[in-house]
Amino acid sequence: MAYRNKTYVAFDGDNDITYYYLMKAWKANDNNDFDFHNAHDLNTARDSSQEESIKSQLRVRMQNSKMFVLLVGDKTKYLTKFVKWEVESAIRREIPIAVVYLKDYSRFDEKMCPTWLNNVLSIHIPFKKTILQYVIDNWPTVSKQKEDKGHYWYSDDFVNSL
């Protein structure tokens, strides 16, 4: 069994990759505390590869992941080829899921959230460095132990206090 210390980040590669790059820039910046072990650093899944080859590489990343972050943009819920597969794989592996809204939503948004996450324990947060780091470090210890399901979010006051 693989050592699971990575954070797996799924996103719309055509429209939302800049947010993933921003997360990497936060990590690379020595002047802040943002840090995560990026599952994408394990191997390369090229767009030119066959679908099964790409999924094979993604499986390796998933096997090493302790946290799943889904960056949700305007079109994410319509992506059924890879992003949906990635979410379903995280659910099967019981990897904690953070839904990160790229627009300024601070809690669950039914119009933006993919339906594949219905009835799945997940935390919904805005795309902000401090709350994202908090979630990577702390989610879902208590809720997972209680076998909770459904959508969770933090109060705006809590998010803004970080």
Protein backbone atom coordinates (compact mmCIF):
# COMPACT_ATOMS: atom_id res chain seq x y z
CA MET A 1 0.00 0.00 0.00
CA ALA A 2 1.27 3.45 -0.93
CA TYR A 3 2.11 6.07 1.67
CA ARG A 4 -0.71 8.60 1.43
CA ASN A 5 0.54 12.11 2.06
CA LYS A 6 -0.34 13.87 -1.19
CA THR A 7 -3.08 16.29 -2.13
CA TYR A 8 -4.80 15.42 -5.40
CA VAL A 9 -6.10 18.49 -7.25
CA ALA A 10 -8.73 18.02 -9.98
CA PHE A 11 -9.83 20.86 -12.24
CA ASP A 12 -11.02 21.86 -15.69
CA GLY A 13 -7.71 21.81 -17.54
CA ASP A 14 -9.02 24.00 -20.35
CA ASN A 15 -10.49 26.79 -18.25
CA ASP A 16 -9.24 26.64 -14.66
CA ILE A 17 -5.60 25.55 -14.81
CA THR A 18 -4.43 29.04 -13.81
CA TYR A 19 -5.90 28.45 -10.33
CA TYR A 20 -3.92 25.23 -10.01
CA TYR A 21 -0.79 27.14 -11.08
CA LEU A 22 -1.59 29.76 -8.45
CA MET A 23 -1.69 27.04 -5.78
CA LYS A 24 1.74 25.88 -6.95
CA ALA A 25 3.01 29.49 -6.82
CA TRP A 26 1.71 29.88 -3.25
CA LYS A 27 3.59 26.71 -2.32
CA ALA A 28 6.79 27.92 -4.00
CA ASN A 29 6.67 31.32 -2.26
CA ASP A 30 8.86 31.29 0.84
CA ASN A 31 7.03 34.32 2.27
CA ASN A 32 3.87 32.42 3.22
CA ASP A 33 2.83 29.25 5.01
CA PHE A 34 0.87 27.61 2.20
CA ASP A 35 2.10 24.07 1.62
CA PHE A 36 0.80 20.83 0.20
CA HIS A 37 2.33 17.64 -1.15
CA ASN A 38 1.21 17.73 -4.76
CA ALA A 39 0.10 14.36 -6.17
CA HIS A 40 0.67 15.75 -9.68
CA ASP A 41 4.41 15.74 -8.99
CA LEU A 42 4.43 11.91 -9.02
CA ASN A 43 4.14 11.39 -12.77
CA THR A 44 2.99 12.95 -16.01
CA ALA A 45 -0.32 12.27 -17.72
CA ARG A 46 -0.08 13.84 -21.16
CA ASP A 47 -3.09 15.06 -23.11
CA SER A 48 -1.80 13.23 -26.17
CA SER A 49 -1.89 9.85 -24.38
CA GLN A 50 -4.74 7.39 -24.71
CA GLU A 51 -7.54 7.72 -22.15
CA GLU A 52 -6.66 4.50 -20.32
CA SER A 53 -2.99 5.51 -20.15
CA ILE A 54 -3.94 8.84 -18.60
CA LYS A 55 -6.27 7.16 -16.10
CA SER A 56 -3.50 4.74 -15.17
CA GLN A 57 -1.21 7.66 -14.27
CA LEU A 58 -4.04 9.37 -12.39
CA ARG A 59 -4.66 6.16 -10.39
CA VAL A 60 -1.05 6.22 -9.17
CA ARG A 61 -1.52 9.82 -8.02
CA MET A 62 -4.80 8.92 -6.32
CA GLN A 63 -3.25 5.94 -4.49
CA ASN A 64 -0.78 8.31 -2.84
CA SER A 65 -3.36 10.94 -1.87
CA LYS A 66 -4.80 11.72 1.53
CA MET A 67 -6.85 14.71 0.34
CA PHE A 68 -8.83 15.46 -2.83
CA VAL A 69 -9.33 19.08 -3.88
CA LEU A 70 -11.83 19.81 -6.65
CA LEU A 71 -11.47 23.29 -8.14
CA VAL A 72 -14.97 24.25 -9.31
CA GLY A 73 -15.34 26.76 -12.11
CA ASP A 74 -18.20 27.61 -14.45
CA LYS A 75 -17.99 24.40 -16.48
CA THR A 76 -16.71 21.83 -13.97
CA LYS A 77 -20.05 20.11 -13.41
CA TYR A 78 -20.28 19.36 -17.15
CA LEU A 79 -16.92 17.53 -17.32
CA THR A 80 -17.72 13.83 -17.44
CA LYS A 81 -14.62 12.31 -19.03
CA PHE A 82 -11.81 12.84 -16.52
CA VAL A 83 -12.97 15.16 -13.72
CA LYS A 84 -16.06 13.07 -12.96
CA TRP A 85 -13.92 9.92 -13.07
CA GLU A 86 -11.43 11.53 -10.67
CA VAL A 87 -14.19 12.50 -8.23
CA GLU A 88 -15.74 9.02 -8.39
CA SER A 89 -12.30 7.47 -7.80
CA ALA A 90 -11.78 9.66 -4.72
CA ILE A 91 -15.20 8.65 -3.41
CA ARG A 92 -14.44 4.94 -3.92
CA ARG A 93 -11.11 5.34 -2.11
CA GLU A 94 -12.79 7.32 0.69
CA ILE A 95 -10.41 10.23 0.25
CA PRO A 96 -11.66 13.40 2.00
CA ILE A 97 -13.03 15.88 -0.54
CA ALA A 98 -12.76 19.67 -0.54
CA VAL A 99 -14.85 21.52 -3.11
CA VAL A 100 -13.16 24.84 -3.84
CA TYR A 101 -15.24 27.45 -5.65
CA LEU A 102 -13.24 29.67 -7.97
CA LYS A 103 -15.95 32.31 -7.97
CA ASP A 104 -16.46 33.99 -4.62
CA TYR A 105 -18.82 31.41 -3.11
CA SER A 106 -18.07 30.64 0.51
CA ARG A 107 -20.41 27.69 0.95
CA PHE A 108 -22.24 24.97 -0.94
CA ASP A 109 -23.69 26.22 -4.22
CA GLU A 110 -26.19 23.87 -5.84
CA LYS A 111 -25.85 25.54 -9.25
CA MET A 112 -22.07 25.15 -9.36
CA CYS A 113 -21.46 21.88 -7.50
CA PRO A 114 -21.39 18.71 -9.62
CA THR A 115 -24.25 16.34 -8.80
CA TRP A 116 -21.75 13.48 -8.50
CA LEU A 117 -20.98 14.87 -5.05
CA ASN A 118 -24.53 14.52 -3.75
CA ASN A 119 -24.65 12.46 -0.53
CA VAL A 120 -20.86 12.51 -0.21
CA LEU A 121 -19.05 14.05 2.76
CA SER A 122 -17.42 17.20 1.39
CA ILE A 123 -16.36 20.62 2.60
CA HIS A 124 -17.16 23.63 0.39
CA ILE A 125 -14.87 26.64 0.55
CA PRO A 126 -13.87 29.70 -1.48
CA PHE A 127 -10.57 29.77 -3.37
CA LYS A 128 -8.53 31.52 -0.69
CA LYS A 129 -5.09 30.48 0.45
CA THR A 130 -5.74 30.50 4.21
CA ILE A 131 -8.94 28.45 4.26
CA LEU A 132 -7.54 26.04 1.67
CA GLN A 133 -4.48 25.41 3.84
CA TYR A 134 -6.69 24.96 6.90
CA VAL A 135 -8.82 22.38 5.09
CA ILE A 136 -5.81 20.48 3.71
CA ASP A 137 -4.43 20.27 7.25
CA ASN A 138 -7.65 19.58 9.18
CA TRP A 139 -10.57 18.26 7.12
CA PRO A 140 -12.51 15.99 7.95
CA THR A 141 -11.22 14.45 11.16
CA VAL A 142 -14.37 14.71 13.30
CA SER A 143 -16.98 14.43 10.53
CA LYS A 144 -15.31 11.38 9.00
CA GLN A 145 -15.16 9.63 12.37
CA LYS A 146 -18.88 10.24 12.85
CA GLU A 147 -19.50 8.86 9.32
CA ASP A 148 -21.27 12.07 8.33
CA LYS A 149 -22.40 12.61 4.75
CA GLY A 150 -23.38 15.69 2.82
CA HIS A 151 -22.12 19.17 2.14
CA TYR A 152 -20.39 21.17 4.85
CA TRP A 153 -18.96 24.67 4.93
CA TYR A 154 -17.48 27.09 7.42
CA SER A 155 -19.12 30.34 8.45
CA ASP A 156 -17.99 33.48 6.66
CA ASP A 157 -16.69 34.77 9.99
CA PHE A 158 -14.46 31.73 10.41
CA VAL A 159 -13.16 31.90 6.82
CA ASN A 160 -12.38 35.60 7.20
CA SER A 161 -10.69 35.08 10.58
CA LEU A 162 -7.96 32.89 9.11
